[in-house]
Amino acid sequence: MSTEVTQKTNEAVSGSAVAVTGEVVKAVSLSKAELRAEAARARTQLAQTLDAIEYKLNLPRQLRVRSRLVNVRLRELGEKNPLALAGIVLGAASAAVGAIWLGVKVVQRR
């Protein structure tokens, strides 16, 4: 039994791939061209995965993308419904003034 496993392991190392399906292990013989093509596919997939991770974790880039998206949506809203945009701007300005006023009051109390 161990001789058979050793032989299959040697086959797998010398240019064959081992495919695992459930608990059954089969040795599948692949040519060098197929192995190179599989390695190229794996490298491409790894590169795409790393690019996606880098994109998600790049916070300055994410902030730029989000701010552009907000700008585009505000422009669209301004074209479709200018009164709604004016209300949003007025509400944001009121909130900013209120926050500044509260901050000044807190500093004055100290």
Protein backbone atom coordinates (compact mmCIF):
# COMPACT_ATOMS: atom_id res chain seq x y z
CA MET A 1 0.00 0.00 0.00
CA SER A 2 2.72 2.53 0.91
CA THR A 3 4.62 1.68 -2.30
CA GLU A 4 1.53 2.59 -4.33
CA VAL A 5 1.14 5.90 -2.48
CA THR A 6 4.84 6.68 -2.96
CA GLN A 7 4.58 5.89 -6.67
CA LYS A 8 1.52 8.17 -7.05
CA THR A 9 3.29 10.91 -5.11
CA ASN A 10 6.33 10.61 -7.37
CA GLU A 11 4.05 10.79 -10.43
CA ALA A 12 2.37 13.89 -9.03
CA VAL A 13 5.70 15.59 -8.40
CA SER A 14 7.15 14.66 -11.80
CA GLY A 15 4.55 16.44 -13.94
CA SER A 16 1.15 15.12 -12.99
CA ALA A 17 -1.45 16.93 -10.93
CA VAL A 18 -3.35 15.32 -8.09
CA ALA A 19 -7.08 15.97 -8.19
CA VAL A 20 -8.96 15.52 -4.93
CA THR A 21 -12.70 14.80 -5.14
CA GLY A 22 -14.24 14.22 -1.73
CA GLU A 23 -12.14 11.44 -0.24
CA VAL A 24 -11.05 9.91 -3.54
CA VAL A 25 -7.60 10.91 -4.79
CA LYS A 26 -6.80 10.41 -8.47
CA ALA A 27 -3.63 11.20 -10.37
CA VAL A 28 -4.35 13.11 -13.56
CA SER A 29 -1.56 13.31 -16.09
CA LEU A 30 -1.08 16.76 -17.63
CA SER A 31 1.28 17.86 -20.37
CA LYS A 32 3.81 20.61 -19.83
CA ALA A 33 1.77 22.97 -22.00
CA GLU A 34 -1.34 22.29 -19.93
CA LEU A 35 0.60 22.82 -16.71
CA ARG A 36 1.99 26.11 -18.03
CA ALA A 37 -1.48 27.23 -19.12
CA GLU A 38 -2.88 26.34 -15.69
CA ALA A 39 -0.05 28.24 -13.98
CA ALA A 40 -0.71 31.27 -16.20
CA ARG A 41 -4.44 31.15 -15.32
CA ALA A 42 -3.59 30.88 -11.64
CA ARG A 43 -1.19 33.86 -11.86
CA THR A 44 -3.81 35.93 -13.67
CA GLN A 45 -6.46 35.07 -11.09
CA LEU A 46 -4.05 35.88 -8.25
CA ALA A 47 -3.17 39.22 -9.84
CA GLN A 48 -6.86 40.09 -10.21
CA THR A 49 -7.53 39.14 -6.60
CA LEU A 50 -4.61 41.25 -5.36
CA ASP A 51 -5.78 44.20 -7.48
CA ALA A 52 -9.27 43.92 -5.97
CA ILE A 53 -7.84 43.79 -2.43
CA GLU A 54 -5.59 46.78 -3.13
CA TYR A 55 -8.55 48.73 -4.54
CA LYS A 56 -10.67 48.02 -1.46
CA LEU A 57 -7.91 48.87 1.03
CA ASN A 58 -6.68 52.04 -0.70
CA LEU A 59 -8.54 54.59 1.44
CA PRO A 60 -7.45 57.79 -0.34
CA ARG A 61 -8.60 56.31 -3.64
CA GLN A 62 -11.89 55.16 -2.09
CA LEU A 63 -12.48 58.69 -0.76
CA ARG A 64 -11.84 60.17 -4.22
CA VAL A 65 -14.21 57.69 -5.84
CA ARG A 66 -16.93 58.31 -3.24
CA SER A 67 -16.61 62.09 -3.46
CA ARG A 68 -16.87 61.98 -7.25
CA LEU A 69 -19.94 59.78 -6.95
CA VAL A 70 -21.56 62.22 -4.50
CA ASN A 71 -20.75 65.14 -6.83
CA VAL A 72 -22.30 63.36 -9.81
CA ARG A 73 -25.43 62.49 -7.85
CA LEU A 74 -25.79 66.05 -6.55
CA ARG A 75 -25.46 67.43 -10.09
CA GLU A 76 -28.12 64.99 -11.31
CA LEU A 77 -30.38 65.97 -8.42
CA GLY A 78 -29.80 69.66 -9.20
CA GLU A 79 -30.83 69.10 -12.81
CA LYS A 80 -33.90 67.04 -11.94
CA ASN A 81 -35.09 68.84 -8.80
CA PRO A 82 -33.33 72.11 -7.96
CA LEU A 83 -35.53 72.77 -4.91
CA ALA A 84 -34.52 69.48 -3.31
CA LEU A 85 -30.86 70.32 -3.87
CA ALA A 86 -31.39 73.78 -2.36
CA GLY A 87 -33.02 72.14 0.68
CA ILE A 88 -30.11 69.75 1.09
CA VAL A 89 -27.58 72.61 0.84
CA LEU A 90 -29.57 74.71 3.32
CA GLY A 91 -29.82 71.77 5.74
CA ALA A 92 -26.10 71.03 5.50
CA ALA A 93 -25.23 74.69 6.05
CA SER A 94 -27.55 74.85 9.07
CA ALA A 95 -25.99 71.73 10.53
CA ALA A 96 -22.49 73.14 10.04
CA VAL A 97 -23.41 76.47 11.65
CA GLY A 98 -25.10 74.66 14.54
CA ALA A 99 -22.05 72.45 15.13
CA ILE A 100 -19.75 75.48 15.10
CA TRP A 101 -22.04 77.38 17.47
CA LEU A 102 -22.14 74.41 19.90
CA GLY A 103 -18.35 74.12 19.72
CA VAL A 104 -17.94 77.80 20.55
CA LYS A 105 -20.34 77.48 23.52
CA VAL A 106 -18.42 74.50 24.89
CA VAL A 107 -15.11 76.40 24.64
CA GLN A 108 -16.61 79.48 26.31
CA ARG A 109 -17.83 77.42 29.30
CA ARG A 110 -14.31 76.18 30.07
